[in-house]
Amino acid sequence: MSEYKWMNSTRLFFDGLFEMLGEILLAFIRRVAPFAVPAAPAFFFGHALFATVQDLSGNVALAV
């Protein structure tokens, strides 16, 4: 069975499209990672600190 010309060109188009989208996504992740990686531990540390102060004092305003 022979492959049609339009099938080959469509496959090549989508191969190029997905390769380009992958490169864009990877470039975005590379630029955001140095700021996003420390954000999760900072958030959880702040949340633990807030919960501890709130439990000890019973005052939400002081915990904030």
PDB file of N, CA and C in Angstrom:
ATOM      1  N   MET A   1       0.838  -1.176   0.000  1.00  0.00           N
ATOM      2  CA  MET A   1       0.000   0.000   0.000  1.00  0.00           C
ATOM      3  C   MET A   1       0.887   1.245   0.000  1.00  0.00           C
ATOM      4  N   SER A   2       0.647   2.122  -0.910  1.00  0.00           N
ATOM      5  CA  SER A   2       1.466   3.331  -0.989  1.00  0.00           C
ATOM      6  C   SER A   2       0.867   4.427  -0.109  1.00  0.00           C
ATOM      7  N   GLU A   3       1.738   5.272   0.383  1.00  0.00           N
ATOM      8  CA  GLU A   3       1.307   6.378   1.231  1.00  0.00           C
ATOM      9  C   GLU A   3       0.991   7.580   0.347  1.00  0.00           C
ATOM     10  N   TYR A   4      -0.103   8.235   0.638  1.00  0.00           N
ATOM     11  CA  TYR A   4      -0.491   9.405  -0.144  1.00  0.00           C
ATOM     12  C   TYR A   4       0.403  10.594   0.201  1.00  0.00           C
ATOM     13  N   LYS A   5       0.569  11.483  -0.779  1.00  0.00           N
ATOM     14  CA  LYS A   5       1.439  12.636  -0.597  1.00  0.00           C
ATOM     15  C   LYS A   5       0.904  13.565   0.486  1.00  0.00           C
ATOM     16  N   TRP A   6      -0.402  13.778   0.518  1.00  0.00           N
ATOM     17  CA  TRP A   6      -0.978  14.689   1.513  1.00  0.00           C
ATOM     18  C   TRP A   6      -0.838  14.121   2.929  1.00  0.00           C
ATOM     19  N   MET A   7      -0.830  12.804   3.059  1.00  0.00           N
ATOM     20  CA  MET A   7      -0.643  12.199   4.387  1.00  0.00           C
ATOM     21  C   MET A   7       0.773  12.460   4.894  1.00  0.00           C
ATOM     22  N   ASN A   8       1.734  12.347   4.003  1.00  0.00           N
ATOM     23  CA  ASN A   8       3.120  12.581   4.381  1.00  0.00           C
ATOM     24  C   ASN A   8       3.341  14.047   4.746  1.00  0.00           C
ATOM     25  N   SER A   9       2.791  14.953   3.951  1.00  0.00           N
ATOM     26  CA  SER A   9       2.967  16.376   4.258  1.00  0.00           C
ATOM     27  C   SER A   9       2.238  16.762   5.544  1.00  0.00           C
ATOM     28  N   THR A  10       1.081  16.149   5.800  1.00  0.00           N
ATOM     29  CA  THR A  10       0.364  16.410   7.041  1.00  0.00           C
ATOM     30  C   THR A  10       1.158  15.897   8.236  1.00  0.00           C
ATOM     31  N   ARG A  11       1.734  14.722   8.106  1.00  0.00           N
ATOM     32  CA  ARG A  11       2.547  14.159   9.182  1.00  0.00           C
ATOM     33  C   ARG A  11       3.761  15.034   9.453  1.00  0.00           C
ATOM     34  N   LEU A  12       4.419  15.496   8.415  1.00  0.00           N
ATOM     35  CA  LEU A  12       5.585  16.368   8.575  1.00  0.00           C
ATOM     36  C   LEU A  12       5.197  17.702   9.221  1.00  0.00           C
ATOM     37  N   PHE A  13       4.034  18.232   8.833  1.00  0.00           N
ATOM     38  CA  PHE A  13       3.557  19.489   9.414  1.00  0.00           C
ATOM     39  C   PHE A  13       3.349  19.340  10.913  1.00  0.00           C
ATOM     40  N   PHE A  14       2.632  18.276  11.319  1.00  0.00           N
ATOM     41  CA  PHE A  14       2.347  18.098  12.735  1.00  0.00           C
ATOM     42  C   PHE A  14       3.590  17.699  13.525  1.00  0.00           C
ATOM     43  N   ASP A  15       4.516  16.980  12.910  1.00  0.00           N
ATOM     44  CA  ASP A  15       5.789  16.698  13.578  1.00  0.00           C
ATOM     45  C   ASP A  15       6.527  18.000  13.880  1.00  0.00           C
ATOM     46  N   GLY A  16       6.583  18.892  12.917  1.00  0.00           N
ATOM     47  CA  GLY A  16       7.229  20.183  13.123  1.00  0.00           C
ATOM     48  C   GLY A  16       6.492  21.037  14.133  1.00  0.00           C
ATOM     49  N   LEU A  17       5.165  20.998  14.083  1.00  0.00           N
ATOM     50  CA  LEU A  17       4.357  21.794  15.013  1.00  0.00           C
ATOM     51  C   LEU A  17       4.581  21.344  16.456  1.00  0.00           C
ATOM     52  N   PHE A  18       4.516  20.045  16.694  1.00  0.00           N
ATOM     53  CA  PHE A  18       4.688  19.540  18.053  1.00  0.00           C
ATOM     54  C   PHE A  18       6.123  19.709  18.546  1.00  0.00           C
ATOM     55  N   GLU A  19       7.088  19.627  17.642  1.00  0.00           N
ATOM     56  CA  GLU A  19       8.472  19.884  18.032  1.00  0.00           C
ATOM     57  C   GLU A  19       8.638  21.342  18.450  1.00  0.00           C
ATOM     58  N   MET A  20       8.042  22.254  17.695  1.00  0.00           N
ATOM     59  CA  MET A  20       8.122  23.668  18.024  1.00  0.00           C
ATOM     60  C   MET A  20       7.425  23.965  19.348  1.00  0.00           C
ATOM     61  N   LEU A  21       6.237  23.386  19.576  1.00  0.00           N
ATOM     62  CA  LEU A  21       5.524  23.602  20.832  1.00  0.00           C
ATOM     63  C   LEU A  21       6.308  23.042  22.017  1.00  0.00           C
ATOM     64  N   GLY A  22       6.960  21.912  21.815  1.00  0.00           N
ATOM     65  CA  GLY A  22       7.791  21.337  22.870  1.00  0.00           C
ATOM     66  C   GLY A  22       8.968  22.236  23.216  1.00  0.00           C
ATOM     67  N   GLU A  23       9.588  22.827  22.211  1.00  0.00           N
ATOM     68  CA  GLU A  23      10.708  23.739  22.463  1.00  0.00           C
ATOM     69  C   GLU A  23      10.249  24.998  23.181  1.00  0.00           C
ATOM     70  N   ILE A  24       9.074  25.512  22.809  1.00  0.00           N
ATOM     71  CA  ILE A  24       8.535  26.694  23.482  1.00  0.00           C
ATOM     72  C   ILE A  24       8.236  26.385  24.943  1.00  0.00           C
ATOM     73  N   LEU A  25       7.608  25.231  25.195  1.00  0.00           N
ATOM     74  CA  LEU A  25       7.288  24.842  26.564  1.00  0.00           C
ATOM     75  C   LEU A  25       8.554  24.644  27.385  1.00  0.00           C
ATOM     76  N   LEU A  26       9.555  24.018  26.811  1.00  0.00           N
ATOM     77  CA  LEU A  26      10.799  23.796  27.519  1.00  0.00           C
ATOM     78  C   LEU A  26      11.503  25.115  27.829  1.00  0.00           C
ATOM     79  N   ALA A  27      11.481  26.049  26.904  1.00  0.00           N
ATOM     80  CA  ALA A  27      12.095  27.359  27.142  1.00  0.00           C
ATOM     81  C   ALA A  27      11.355  28.103  28.249  1.00  0.00           C
ATOM     82  N   PHE A  28      10.024  27.983  28.276  1.00  0.00           N
ATOM     83  CA  PHE A  28       9.236  28.617  29.336  1.00  0.00           C
ATOM     84  C   PHE A  28       9.578  28.019  30.697  1.00  0.00           C
ATOM     85  N   ILE A  29       9.680  26.700  30.758  1.00  0.00           N
ATOM     86  CA  ILE A  29       9.991  26.035  32.026  1.00  0.00           C
ATOM     87  C   ILE A  29      11.387  26.424  32.501  1.00  0.00           C
ATOM     88  N   ARG A  30      12.331  26.527  31.572  1.00  0.00           N
ATOM     89  CA  ARG A  30      13.684  26.933  31.948  1.00  0.00           C
ATOM     90  C   ARG A  30      13.710  28.331  32.542  1.00  0.00           C
ATOM     91  N   ARG A  31      12.880  29.222  32.031  1.00  0.00           N
ATOM     92  CA  ARG A  31      12.877  30.598  32.534  1.00  0.00           C
ATOM     93  C   ARG A  31      12.126  30.729  33.849  1.00  0.00           C
ATOM     94  N   VAL A  32      11.090  29.920  34.069  1.00  0.00           N
ATOM     95  CA  VAL A  32      10.261  30.039  35.259  1.00  0.00           C
ATOM     96  C   VAL A  32      10.817  29.231  36.433  1.00  0.00           C
ATOM     97  N   ALA A  33      11.542  28.163  36.160  1.00  0.00           N
ATOM     98  CA  ALA A  33      11.995  27.237  37.203  1.00  0.00           C
ATOM     99  C   ALA A  33      12.803  27.898  38.323  1.00  0.00           C
ATOM    100  N   PRO A  34      13.736  28.798  38.039  1.00  0.00           N
ATOM    101  CA  PRO A  34      14.491  29.384  39.157  1.00  0.00           C
ATOM    102  C   PRO A  34      13.621  30.151  40.147  1.00  0.00           C
ATOM    103  N   PHE A  35      12.463  30.625  39.716  1.00  0.00           N
ATOM    104  CA  PHE A  35      11.571  31.346  40.615  1.00  0.00           C
ATOM    105  C   PHE A  35      10.496  30.438  41.203  1.00  0.00           C
ATOM    106  N   ALA A  36      10.079  29.425  40.455  1.00  0.00           N
ATOM    107  CA  ALA A  36       8.999  28.553  40.902  1.00  0.00           C
ATOM    108  C   ALA A  36       9.481  27.501  41.896  1.00  0.00           C
ATOM    109  N   VAL A  37      10.702  27.036  41.761  1.00  0.00           N
ATOM    110  CA  VAL A  37      11.195  25.975  42.642  1.00  0.00           C
ATOM    111  C   VAL A  37      11.254  26.439  44.095  1.00  0.00           C
ATOM    112  N   PRO A  38      11.760  27.619  44.412  1.00  0.00           N
ATOM    113  CA  PRO A  38      11.751  28.037  45.818  1.00  0.00           C
ATOM    114  C   PRO A  38      10.367  28.460  46.324  1.00  0.00           C
ATOM    115  N   ALA A  39       9.397  28.643  45.459  1.00  0.00           N
ATOM    116  CA  ALA A  39       8.090  29.126  45.891  1.00  0.00           C
ATOM    117  C   ALA A  39       7.333  28.090  46.715  1.00  0.00           C
ATOM    118  N   ALA A  40       7.413  26.830  46.352  1.00  0.00           N
ATOM    119  CA  ALA A  40       6.672  25.791  47.074  1.00  0.00           C
ATOM    120  C   ALA A  40       7.178  25.634  48.506  1.00  0.00           C
ATOM    121  N   PRO A  41       8.479  25.483  48.754  1.00  0.00           N
ATOM    122  CA  PRO A  41       8.918  25.394  50.152  1.00  0.00           C
ATOM    123  C   PRO A  41       8.618  26.660  50.951  1.00  0.00           C
ATOM    124  N   ALA A  42       8.725  27.817  50.311  1.00  0.00           N
ATOM    125  CA  ALA A  42       8.421  29.070  51.017  1.00  0.00           C
ATOM    126  C   ALA A  42       6.951  29.124  51.409  1.00  0.00           C
ATOM    127  N   PHE A  43       6.077  28.680  50.512  1.00  0.00           N
ATOM    128  CA  PHE A  43       4.646  28.669  50.831  1.00  0.00           C
ATOM    129  C   PHE A  43       4.351  27.737  51.996  1.00  0.00           C
ATOM    130  N   PHE A  44       4.901  26.515  51.956  1.00  0.00           N
ATOM    131  CA  PHE A  44       4.616  25.553  53.013  1.00  0.00           C
ATOM    132  C   PHE A  44       5.242  25.967  54.342  1.00  0.00           C
ATOM    133  N   PHE A  45       6.403  26.598  54.316  1.00  0.00           N
ATOM    134  CA  PHE A  45       7.004  27.115  55.548  1.00  0.00           C
ATOM    135  C   PHE A  45       6.135  28.218  56.132  1.00  0.00           C
ATOM    136  N   GLY A  46       5.680  29.128  55.295  1.00  0.00           N
ATOM    137  CA  GLY A  46       4.798  30.204  55.766  1.00  0.00           C
ATOM    138  C   GLY A  46       3.491  29.668  56.319  1.00  0.00           C
ATOM    139  N   HIS A  47       2.947  28.674  55.658  1.00  0.00           N
ATOM    140  CA  HIS A  47       1.687  28.079  56.134  1.00  0.00           C
ATOM    141  C   HIS A  47       1.882  27.381  57.472  1.00  0.00           C
ATOM    142  N   ALA A  48       2.982  26.660  57.639  1.00  0.00           N
ATOM    143  CA  ALA A  48       3.270  25.995  58.916  1.00  0.00           C
ATOM    144  C   ALA A  48       3.490  27.018  60.023  1.00  0.00           C
ATOM    145  N   LEU A  49       4.181  28.095  59.711  1.00  0.00           N
ATOM    146  CA  LEU A  49       4.402  29.154  60.690  1.00  0.00           C
ATOM    147  C   LEU A  49       3.080  29.812  61.083  1.00  0.00           C
ATOM    148  N   PHE A  50       2.231  30.095  60.107  1.00  0.00           N
ATOM    149  CA  PHE A  50       0.915  30.678  60.376  1.00  0.00           C
ATOM    150  C   PHE A  50       0.085  29.765  61.270  1.00  0.00           C
ATOM    151  N   ALA A  51       0.050  28.467  60.945  1.00  0.00           N
ATOM    152  CA  ALA A  51      -0.751  27.524  61.720  1.00  0.00           C
ATOM    153  C   ALA A  51      -0.228  27.396  63.150  1.00  0.00           C
ATOM    154  N   THR A  52       1.086  27.398  63.312  1.00  0.00           N
ATOM    155  CA  THR A  52       1.668  27.277  64.650  1.00  0.00           C
ATOM    156  C   THR A  52       1.346  28.492  65.500  1.00  0.00           C
ATOM    157  N   VAL A  53       1.523  29.685  64.947  1.00  0.00           N
ATOM    158  CA  VAL A  53       1.232  30.912  65.707  1.00  0.00           C
ATOM    159  C   VAL A  53      -0.250  31.000  66.018  1.00  0.00           C
ATOM    160  N   GLN A  54      -1.093  30.601  65.089  1.00  0.00           N
ATOM    161  CA  GLN A  54      -2.531  30.634  65.333  1.00  0.00           C
ATOM    162  C   GLN A  54      -2.917  29.641  66.429  1.00  0.00           C
ATOM    163  N   ASP A  55      -2.325  28.450  66.426  1.00  0.00           N
ATOM    164  CA  ASP A  55      -2.618  27.460  67.461  1.00  0.00           C
ATOM    165  C   ASP A  55      -2.137  27.919  68.834  1.00  0.00           C
ATOM    166  N   LEU A  56      -0.960  28.531  68.884  1.00  0.00           N
ATOM    167  CA  LEU A  56      -0.405  28.966  70.168  1.00  0.00           C
ATOM    168  C   LEU A  56      -1.128  30.182  70.737  1.00  0.00           C
ATOM    169  N   SER A  57      -1.492  31.112  69.861  1.00  0.00           N
ATOM    170  CA  SER A  57      -2.097  32.358  70.360  1.00  0.00           C
ATOM    171  C   SER A  57      -3.614  32.367  70.237  1.00  0.00           C
ATOM    172  N   GLY A  58      -4.169  31.642  69.300  1.00  0.00           N
ATOM    173  CA  GLY A  58      -5.608  31.674  69.070  1.00  0.00           C
ATOM    174  C   GLY A  58      -6.063  32.947  68.378  1.00  0.00           C
ATOM    175  N   ASN A  59      -5.119  33.710  67.870  1.00  0.00           N
ATOM    176  CA  ASN A  59      -5.425  34.989  67.239  1.00  0.00           C
ATOM    177  C   ASN A  59      -4.989  34.942  65.777  1.00  0.00           C
ATOM    178  N   VAL A  60      -5.960  35.074  64.869  1.00  0.00           N
ATOM    179  CA  VAL A  60      -5.647  35.022  63.437  1.00  0.00           C
ATOM    180  C   VAL A  60      -4.884  36.257  62.996  1.00  0.00           C
ATOM    181  N   ALA A  61      -5.233  37.420  63.555  1.00  0.00           N
ATOM    182  CA  ALA A  61      -4.557  38.660  63.166  1.00  0.00           C
ATOM    183  C   ALA A  61      -3.077  38.615  63.548  1.00  0.00           C
ATOM    184  N   LEU A  62      -2.769  38.052  64.673  1.00  0.00           N
ATOM    185  CA  LEU A  62      -1.375  37.935  65.071  1.00  0.00           C
ATOM    186  C   LEU A  62      -0.636  36.943  64.178  1.00  0.00           C
ATOM    187  N   ALA A  63      -1.318  35.872  63.778  1.00  0.00           N
ATOM    188  CA  ALA A  63      -0.697  34.865  62.920  1.00  0.00           C
ATOM    189  C   ALA A  63      -0.379  35.420  61.548  1.00  0.00           C
ATOM    190  N   VAL A  64      -1.218  36.295  61.060  1.00  0.00           N
ATOM    191  CA  VAL A  64      -0.987  36.880  59.743  1.00  0.00           C
ATOM    192  C   VAL A  64       0.203  37.799  59.830  1.00  0.00           C
TER     193      VAL A  64
END
